Structures are given as structure tokens and as C-alpha cells.
């Protein structure tokens, strides 16, 4: 059985069970607290109400059961703020490298080396942080995609973890956006590796120390780590690659959780973000203006991640993500808020240009 066939089978089974659970849960919640759930007028068979969930991205607090994982994720997120701040301030060493290449004098070589070395240390920190993302994401997904609840119920009942997952998604978009607009990253690291390799050859591999025109630096990036960093930064969207691979690995390793659970959770969260953005009353409940942009970014990141994880992607007719509606929401925003996000959909998704993508979807995202 192919992966696509397995997904179709899982989706049918999971969908039928999910709708029964949603109906039962919504009836119970509606009777118990009408302020939490007020189903709109819908036609028989219409299940759009399942996306009417308010995700409190500003005030969500973890339950006692979530506390341990929540604290672990919080530690990773604190690191993400430092990574973004450092990346925003990354200036590179283009001038010094050009001078060192054109002028073999010791002073030029030394100056370039002194500038590049601390920059490469930052690049090492960024790469090592991606390993933290790779480790923490499967733990979050295990909580949010479990078969004991429907995706909607997970979103309603585990909002603190949902908020943290959303923050990781936003970080991923921000990191890759900054990386794509900072070509100095690859230039600096390539220069660093060239100097390392040249010095190793000159010294005939005599030690773990680099002597560059009389200046010695202890190597803190071995050959294996250097290769991994090269592959990481060679990718146009390195953090998205880490995130999508971590999600795919989670699906592969957790046989007890059907693939449809994970993709349905991602699509449900994207649709919930879309509905919140479409509803002025829900957006008005947030105190901070930046929360609006945060939800926009999270919605786009979810579409991109879904497109990389789902076998047929986010743009296929069978997709449970309303791409057309999401793009409309984006285009209704000021260009300053939406253009980079629309470009992310155009250039970092996997299946947009597939033959199976409807023409009207491709035309929506055409420049």
C-alpha cells in the first residue's frame, strides 16, 4: 500500500470517527457554556463550525499535566529570541574578505580572519539551535496529535502548547526570511572553510590548530560539523527543512498515530487561524496589535508545513486547508504585512507548481 493510499484510508476512517466525536463534544460544550461554543446556522453535513475556536495566543496558560513539556519548550523559545536578534544584526565580512582575496599581505589576511571567526561562531550557534528545534517539535506533536481527542479538541484544551507550537512556526518563518536576505552568511562560512582547508594542507594535518599568518585559533568546528553546517546553510529555507523533516520523522516513528491525525491537526489549526482573522470580533479580543501579524504568519507557516508533510500537499483539491480563503485574508492586509508571506507561499512551498494544483490557485499566487 502506497503512502497516498494509506493516507486516504486513514483519512476516511479518522474523518468518520472525528465527526462523531465533534458532534458529541460540541453538543455537550454548547449546553454547558454557550459563551464557549455557539454553532452557526449550517446545512446538514456542513462542519465548518469546527473551526470556530478562539486561540488565546496572548494569555494561554499550561495545565499541570502540560507543565513539564511547556517549560522545556519555553527554554527553547527563549533561545529563539536570541537567535533572531543575532541574525538581524548579522553584517557579514564581505569587505574584509574581498580585501583578503585581492591582497595577500599579512595584515589583510589577519583582519579578515579576526572578523570572520566570531561570525562563524554565531553561525555554529544558529545551527546547533536548529537541533533543539528538531528535538522539541516531535514532543509537541505527540501531545497535539494524539488519537484520544479530535484536532479541534486538542486546540481548545491545550492552548498553551498550541501557542508554543505557533511561536516555533513563526520563528521558522522569521529565521528563513532573514537567512534568504543575508547572503553574507554563506560567503563568510565558505571563506572560513577555505582558509581551514588550505591551512590543513599546508600543515599536513599536524594538529587541531589553525595557524594563519602567525595567528593561531583553536578549531571548534570539526570536519563533520562543518559539513553539516554547509548543508544547512546551502538550503534556501534551512529551518523549514529541519521542521518538516522533524514532522515527517515523527509521523514515521509514531505508528500508533495515523498520518491523518498529524495533517488534520495542521490543517485545522490553519483554518482556525483563518477564521479568527476573518472575524473582527475575535481579533478585537487581543490587546496587542502585533498578535494580528503573528496569527497571519502562523497561518502561512502551517500551510507551508502541511504542504511539505502531506503526500499531495496543501494545494490539491482534496486538501483540507482553504488556501483560497487564506490567500484572500492575506491580500486584504496592507502590503507591508502580507507581501513577504505571499512570497513565502510562492517560493517555499513544495506542491504549488504540481500539475494537480488547480489553475485558479496558481493564478491567485501569480505575480
Protein backbone atom coordinates (compact mmCIF):
# COMPACT_ATOMS: atom_id res chain seq x y z
CA UNK A 1 0.00 0.00 0.00
CA UNK A 2 1.46 3.37 -1.02
CA UNK A 3 1.72 6.32 1.35
CA UNK A 4 -1.03 8.17 -0.52
CA UNK A 5 -3.34 5.14 -0.32
CA UNK A 6 -2.59 4.79 3.39
CA UNK A 7 -3.38 8.46 3.90
CA UNK A 8 -6.67 8.13 2.05
CA UNK A 9 -7.65 5.10 4.12
CA UNK A 10 -6.65 6.75 7.38
CA UNK A 11 -8.46 9.96 6.43
CA UNK A 12 -11.74 8.15 5.75
CA UNK A 13 -11.64 6.20 9.00
CA UNK A 14 -10.34 9.09 11.05
CA UNK A 15 -12.78 11.56 9.48
CA UNK A 16 -15.84 9.45 10.27
CA UNK A 17 -14.83 8.91 13.88
CA UNK A 18 -13.79 12.54 14.26
CA UNK A 19 -17.13 13.91 13.12
CA UNK A 20 -19.00 11.73 15.61
CA UNK A 21 -16.73 12.94 18.40
CA UNK A 22 -17.01 16.56 17.33
CA UNK A 23 -20.78 16.40 17.22
CA UNK A 24 -20.94 14.88 20.70
CA UNK A 25 -18.38 17.30 22.13
CA UNK A 26 -19.93 20.42 20.59
CA UNK A 27 -23.40 19.48 21.87
CA UNK A 28 -22.01 18.98 25.37
CA UNK A 29 -20.00 22.19 25.35
CA UNK A 30 -22.85 24.16 23.87
CA UNK A 31 -25.21 23.09 26.64
CA UNK A 32 -22.65 23.62 29.38
CA UNK A 33 -21.36 27.02 28.32
CA UNK A 34 -22.92 28.83 25.41
CA UNK A 35 -20.20 31.52 25.54
CA UNK A 36 -17.57 28.96 24.56
CA UNK A 37 -19.35 27.47 21.60
CA UNK A 38 -22.20 28.90 19.59
CA UNK A 39 -22.73 26.88 16.42
CA UNK A 40 -23.77 28.99 13.46
CA UNK A 41 -26.64 28.11 11.17
CA UNK A 42 -25.32 25.33 8.98
CA UNK A 43 -26.69 22.95 6.44
CA UNK A 44 -26.75 19.22 7.22
CA UNK A 45 -23.28 17.80 6.67
CA UNK A 46 -21.58 21.18 6.95
CA UNK A 47 -18.82 21.01 9.55
CA UNK A 48 -17.30 24.49 9.17
CA UNK A 49 -18.29 25.22 12.77
CA UNK A 50 -15.45 23.00 13.95
CA UNK A 51 -13.06 25.85 13.11
CA UNK A 52 -14.87 28.33 15.37
CA UNK A 53 -12.27 28.18 18.13
CA UNK A 54 -10.67 31.16 19.82
CA UNK A 55 -6.96 30.52 20.35
CA UNK A 56 -5.80 32.85 23.10
CA UNK A 57 -2.29 33.49 21.87
CA UNK A 58 -1.75 36.18 24.49
CA UNK A 59 -2.91 34.59 27.74
CA UNK A 60 -2.93 30.79 27.37
CA UNK A 61 -1.54 29.01 30.44
CA UNK A 62 -0.47 25.35 30.71
CA UNK A 63 -2.31 22.78 32.76
CA UNK A 64 -0.49 20.79 35.44
CA UNK A 65 -0.16 17.88 33.01
CA UNK A 66 1.41 20.11 30.36
CA UNK A 67 3.76 21.96 32.70
CA UNK A 68 6.89 19.83 32.22
CA UNK A 69 6.79 19.93 28.41
CA UNK A 70 5.73 23.57 28.49
CA UNK A 71 8.83 24.53 30.48
CA UNK A 72 11.10 22.58 28.12
CA UNK A 73 9.59 24.32 25.09
CA UNK A 74 9.81 27.69 26.84
CA UNK A 75 13.56 27.20 27.27
CA UNK A 76 13.92 26.56 23.52
CA UNK A 77 11.80 29.60 22.69
CA UNK A 78 13.98 31.81 24.88
CA UNK A 79 16.90 30.69 22.75
CA UNK A 80 14.96 31.52 19.59
CA UNK A 81 14.69 35.18 20.57
CA UNK A 82 18.48 35.44 20.86
CA UNK A 83 18.95 33.70 17.51
CA UNK A 84 16.62 36.11 15.70
CA UNK A 85 18.22 39.12 17.39
CA UNK A 86 21.73 37.99 16.40
CA UNK A 87 20.64 37.18 12.86
CA UNK A 88 19.01 40.60 12.46
CA UNK A 89 22.31 42.22 13.43
CA UNK A 90 24.46 39.98 11.22
CA UNK A 91 26.50 42.27 8.97
CA UNK A 92 28.99 39.85 7.48
CA UNK A 93 32.59 40.33 6.43
CA UNK A 94 32.22 40.91 2.69
CA UNK A 95 34.56 43.92 2.62
CA UNK A 96 37.33 42.23 4.62
CA UNK A 97 37.05 39.02 2.58
CA UNK A 98 37.33 40.92 -0.72
CA UNK A 99 40.41 42.71 0.55
CA UNK A 100 41.99 39.46 1.77
CA UNK A 101 41.38 37.78 -1.59
CA UNK A 102 42.82 40.69 -3.59
CA UNK A 103 45.73 41.44 -1.24
CA UNK A 104 47.82 38.57 0.20
CA UNK A 105 49.51 40.85 2.73
CA UNK A 106 49.52 39.54 6.29
CA UNK A 107 47.55 42.48 7.66
CA UNK A 108 44.65 41.91 5.26
CA UNK A 109 44.62 38.19 5.93
CA UNK A 110 44.69 38.70 9.68
CA UNK A 111 41.95 41.34 9.62
CA UNK A 112 39.62 39.12 7.58
CA UNK A 113 40.27 36.16 9.85
CA UNK A 114 39.59 38.18 13.01
CA UNK A 115 36.28 39.41 11.60
CA UNK A 116 35.12 36.08 10.16
CA UNK A 117 35.90 33.83 13.11
CA UNK A 118 33.36 35.28 15.59
CA UNK A 119 30.76 35.41 12.82
CA UNK A 120 31.24 31.72 12.16
CA UNK A 121 30.81 31.07 15.86
CA UNK A 122 27.39 32.71 15.57
CA UNK A 123 26.58 30.52 12.57
CA UNK A 124 27.55 27.50 14.62
CA UNK A 125 25.17 28.60 17.39
CA UNK A 126 22.34 29.02 14.87
CA UNK A 127 22.92 25.55 13.50
CA UNK A 128 23.09 23.95 16.94
CA UNK A 129 19.85 25.70 17.84
CA UNK A 130 18.18 24.03 14.86
CA UNK A 131 18.97 20.74 16.61
CA UNK A 132 16.96 21.96 19.61
CA UNK A 133 14.00 22.63 17.29
CA UNK A 134 14.42 19.20 15.75
CA UNK A 135 14.25 17.57 19.18
CA UNK A 136 11.37 19.53 20.71
CA UNK A 137 8.88 19.55 17.80
CA UNK A 138 8.11 15.79 17.90
CA UNK A 139 7.36 16.08 21.63
CA UNK A 140 4.83 18.84 20.95
CA UNK A 141 3.24 16.92 18.09
CA UNK A 142 2.89 13.83 20.27
CA UNK A 143 0.71 15.89 22.62
CA UNK A 144 -1.30 17.76 19.98
CA UNK A 145 -1.89 14.91 17.52
CA UNK A 146 -2.81 12.07 19.86
CA UNK A 147 -5.86 9.98 18.85
CA UNK A 148 -7.54 10.40 22.23
CA UNK A 149 -9.01 13.75 21.09
CA UNK A 150 -10.02 15.35 17.81
CA UNK A 151 -7.79 18.13 16.43
CA UNK A 152 -10.40 20.72 17.43
CA UNK A 153 -10.50 19.37 20.97
CA UNK A 154 -6.70 19.44 21.17
CA UNK A 155 -6.70 23.09 20.10
CA UNK A 156 -9.39 24.01 22.60
CA UNK A 157 -7.96 22.12 25.56
CA UNK A 158 -4.18 22.51 25.06
CA UNK A 159 -3.91 26.15 24.10
CA UNK A 160 -0.63 26.80 25.91
CA UNK A 161 1.15 24.13 23.86
CA UNK A 162 -0.64 25.30 20.71
CA UNK A 163 0.67 28.81 21.39
CA UNK A 164 4.22 27.49 21.79
CA UNK A 165 3.98 25.46 18.59
CA UNK A 166 2.76 28.61 16.84
CA UNK A 167 5.77 30.51 18.18
CA UNK A 168 8.11 27.87 16.76
CA UNK A 169 6.36 28.18 13.40
CA UNK A 170 6.75 31.95 13.46
CA UNK A 171 10.41 31.62 14.40
CA UNK A 172 10.91 29.29 11.43
CA UNK A 173 9.47 31.83 9.02
CA UNK A 174 11.47 34.70 10.52
CA UNK A 175 14.75 32.78 10.50
CA UNK A 176 14.44 31.66 6.89
CA UNK A 177 13.32 35.10 5.76
CA UNK A 178 16.36 36.70 7.38
CA UNK A 179 18.68 34.00 6.06
CA UNK A 180 17.45 34.49 2.49
CA UNK A 181 18.13 38.22 2.71
CA UNK A 182 21.61 37.78 4.24
CA UNK A 183 23.89 36.32 1.54
CA UNK A 184 26.90 37.13 3.72
CA UNK A 185 26.12 34.02 5.78
CA UNK A 186 27.18 31.58 3.07
CA UNK A 187 30.01 33.81 1.87
CA UNK A 188 31.51 34.07 5.36
CA UNK A 189 31.25 30.36 6.07
CA UNK A 190 32.67 29.40 2.67
CA UNK A 191 35.65 31.68 3.22
CA UNK A 192 36.18 30.23 6.70
CA UNK A 193 36.20 26.67 5.37
CA UNK A 194 38.56 27.55 2.52
CA UNK A 195 41.06 29.00 4.98
CA UNK A 196 40.73 25.97 7.24
CA UNK A 197 41.28 23.53 4.37
CA UNK A 198 44.20 25.50 2.96
CA UNK A 199 45.90 25.66 6.36
CA UNK A 200 45.36 21.95 6.98
CA UNK A 201 47.03 21.17 3.68
CA UNK A 202 49.93 23.50 4.46
CA UNK A 203 50.39 21.96 7.89
CA UNK A 204 49.81 18.46 6.52
CA UNK A 205 47.19 17.87 9.24
CA UNK A 206 49.72 18.30 12.03
CA UNK A 207 47.28 19.45 14.75
CA UNK A 208 43.82 20.71 15.59
CA UNK A 209 45.09 24.27 15.50
CA UNK A 210 44.95 26.71 12.63
CA UNK A 211 47.93 28.97 12.12
CA UNK A 212 47.02 31.74 9.74
CA UNK A 213 50.00 34.00 9.03
CA UNK A 214 51.30 33.57 12.55
CA UNK A 215 47.85 33.77 14.24
CA UNK A 216 46.58 30.60 15.90
CA UNK A 217 42.96 29.71 16.50
CA UNK A 218 41.83 26.52 18.13
CA UNK A 219 39.40 24.70 15.85
CA UNK A 220 35.96 24.43 17.42
CA UNK A 221 34.23 23.20 14.26
CA UNK A 222 35.47 19.79 13.20
CA UNK A 223 35.18 18.48 9.66
CA UNK A 224 31.93 16.60 10.28
CA UNK A 225 30.22 19.56 11.92
CA UNK A 226 31.49 21.82 9.17
CA UNK A 227 29.91 19.59 6.52
CA UNK A 228 26.60 19.59 8.38
CA UNK A 229 26.65 23.36 8.66
CA UNK A 230 27.45 23.69 4.96
CA UNK A 231 24.43 21.57 4.04
CA UNK A 232 22.24 23.51 6.47
CA UNK A 233 23.13 26.93 5.08
CA UNK A 234 23.10 25.76 1.47
CA UNK A 235 19.34 25.30 1.77
CA UNK A 236 17.28 28.38 0.95
CA UNK A 237 14.95 27.68 3.90
CA UNK A 238 17.08 25.69 6.35
CA UNK A 239 14.85 25.98 9.40
CA UNK A 240 11.75 24.93 7.43
CA UNK A 241 13.70 21.90 6.24
CA UNK A 242 14.51 20.99 9.85
CA UNK A 243 10.88 21.49 10.89
CA UNK A 244 9.37 19.49 8.03
CA UNK A 245 11.88 16.65 8.46
CA UNK A 246 11.20 16.53 12.20
CA UNK A 247 7.46 16.34 11.49
CA UNK A 248 7.88 13.62 8.87
CA UNK A 249 10.14 11.67 11.21
CA UNK A 250 7.50 11.96 13.94
CA UNK A 251 4.88 10.51 11.59
CA UNK A 252 7.19 7.64 10.63
CA UNK A 253 8.22 6.74 14.17
CA UNK A 254 4.80 7.01 15.82
CA UNK A 255 2.89 4.22 14.13
CA UNK A 256 0.17 4.45 16.78
CA UNK A 257 -0.77 7.91 15.47
CA UNK A 258 -2.21 7.81 11.93
CA UNK A 259 -0.68 10.20 9.42
CA UNK A 260 -4.10 11.78 9.03
CA UNK A 261 -4.05 12.85 12.68
CA UNK A 262 -0.97 14.98 12.12
CA UNK A 263 -2.04 16.53 8.82
CA UNK A 264 -5.57 17.12 10.15
CA UNK A 265 -4.14 18.89 13.20
CA UNK A 266 -2.04 21.18 10.99
CA UNK A 267 -4.93 21.94 8.64
CA UNK A 268 -7.41 22.50 11.48
CA UNK A 269 -5.03 24.93 13.16
CA UNK A 270 -4.57 26.78 9.85
CA UNK A 271 -8.33 27.01 9.33
CA UNK A 272 -8.83 28.23 12.91
CA UNK A 273 -6.25 30.98 12.33
CA UNK A 274 -8.02 31.89 9.09
CA UNK A 275 -11.43 32.11 10.77
CA UNK A 276 -10.03 34.24 13.58
CA UNK A 277 -8.52 36.66 11.07
CA UNK A 278 -11.81 36.83 9.18
CA UNK A 279 -13.76 37.66 12.35
CA UNK A 280 -13.21 41.26 13.57
CA UNK A 281 -14.82 40.43 16.92
CA UNK A 282 -12.25 37.71 17.63
CA UNK A 283 -9.29 39.84 16.56
CA UNK A 284 -10.60 42.68 18.74
CA UNK A 285 -10.19 40.44 21.79
CA UNK A 286 -6.41 40.68 21.50
CA UNK A 287 -4.75 43.59 23.27
CA UNK A 288 -1.56 43.77 21.22
CA UNK A 289 -1.59 44.82 17.58
CA UNK A 290 1.34 42.54 16.76
CA UNK A 291 -0.80 39.50 17.62
CA UNK A 292 -2.68 40.04 14.36
CA UNK A 293 0.54 39.75 12.34
CA UNK A 294 1.60 36.79 14.48
CA UNK A 295 -1.57 34.88 13.51
CA UNK A 296 -1.03 35.73 9.84
CA UNK A 297 2.50 34.36 9.97
CA UNK A 298 1.42 31.22 11.82
CA UNK A 299 -1.35 30.56 9.29
CA UNK A 300 1.12 30.78 6.41
CA UNK A 301 3.69 28.62 8.21
CA UNK A 302 1.06 25.94 8.78
CA UNK A 303 0.16 25.89 5.08
CA UNK A 304 3.83 25.55 4.14
CA UNK A 305 4.49 22.81 6.70
CA UNK A 306 1.35 20.91 5.66
CA UNK A 307 2.44 21.17 2.04
CA UNK A 308 5.81 19.62 2.87
CA UNK A 309 4.43 16.84 5.07
CA UNK A 310 1.23 15.79 3.26
CA UNK A 311 1.88 13.47 0.27
CA UNK A 312 -0.31 15.51 -2.10
CA UNK A 313 0.27 18.89 -0.47
CA UNK A 314 -1.84 21.85 0.57
CA UNK A 315 -2.93 22.90 -2.91
CA UNK A 316 -4.57 19.69 -4.11
CA UNK A 317 -8.36 19.62 -4.42
CA UNK A 318 -8.57 17.09 -1.60
CA UNK A 319 -6.63 19.34 0.79
CA UNK A 320 -8.45 20.28 3.99
CA UNK A 321 -6.78 23.70 4.00
CA UNK A 322 -8.74 26.56 2.45
CA UNK A 323 -5.82 28.00 0.50
CA UNK A 324 -8.06 30.33 -1.50
CA UNK A 325 -9.58 31.75 1.68
CA UNK A 326 -6.17 32.12 3.33
CA UNK A 327 -4.74 33.97 0.33
CA UNK A 328 -7.76 36.28 0.33
CA UNK A 329 -7.14 37.04 4.01
CA UNK A 330 -3.51 37.86 3.18
CA UNK A 331 -4.41 40.08 0.25
CA UNK A 332 -6.85 42.01 2.44
CA UNK A 333 -3.92 43.08 4.63
CA UNK A 334 -1.57 46.01 3.98
CA UNK A 335 1.25 45.09 1.61
CA UNK A 336 3.77 45.68 4.39
CA UNK A 337 2.18 42.83 6.36
CA UNK A 338 1.37 40.43 3.54
CA UNK A 339 3.91 40.62 0.71
CA UNK A 340 6.64 38.58 2.40
CA UNK A 341 4.06 35.99 3.47
CA UNK A 342 2.65 35.70 -0.05
CA UNK A 343 6.20 35.26 -1.33
CA UNK A 344 6.73 32.52 1.24
CA UNK A 345 3.75 30.66 -0.23
CA UNK A 346 5.05 31.24 -3.76
CA UNK A 347 8.63 30.19 -3.21
CA UNK A 348 8.92 27.91 -0.17
CA UNK A 349 6.01 25.51 -0.68
CA UNK A 350 6.56 22.13 -2.30
CA UNK A 351 3.48 21.40 -4.42
CA UNK A 352 2.30 24.79 -5.75
CA UNK A 353 3.54 24.10 -9.27
CA UNK A 354 2.33 20.50 -9.39
CA UNK A 355 0.01 19.58 -12.25
CA UNK A 356 -2.62 18.66 -9.66
CA UNK A 357 -2.77 22.23 -8.31
CA UNK A 358 -5.91 23.94 -9.66
CA UNK A 359 -5.22 26.77 -12.07
CA UNK A 360 -7.22 29.26 -10.03
CA UNK A 361 -4.97 28.63 -7.03
CA UNK A 362 -1.83 29.18 -9.08
CA UNK A 363 -3.27 32.34 -10.57
CA UNK A 364 -4.09 33.64 -7.09
CA UNK A 365 -0.42 33.48 -6.18
CA UNK A 366 0.92 34.60 -9.55
CA UNK A 367 2.92 37.80 -9.58
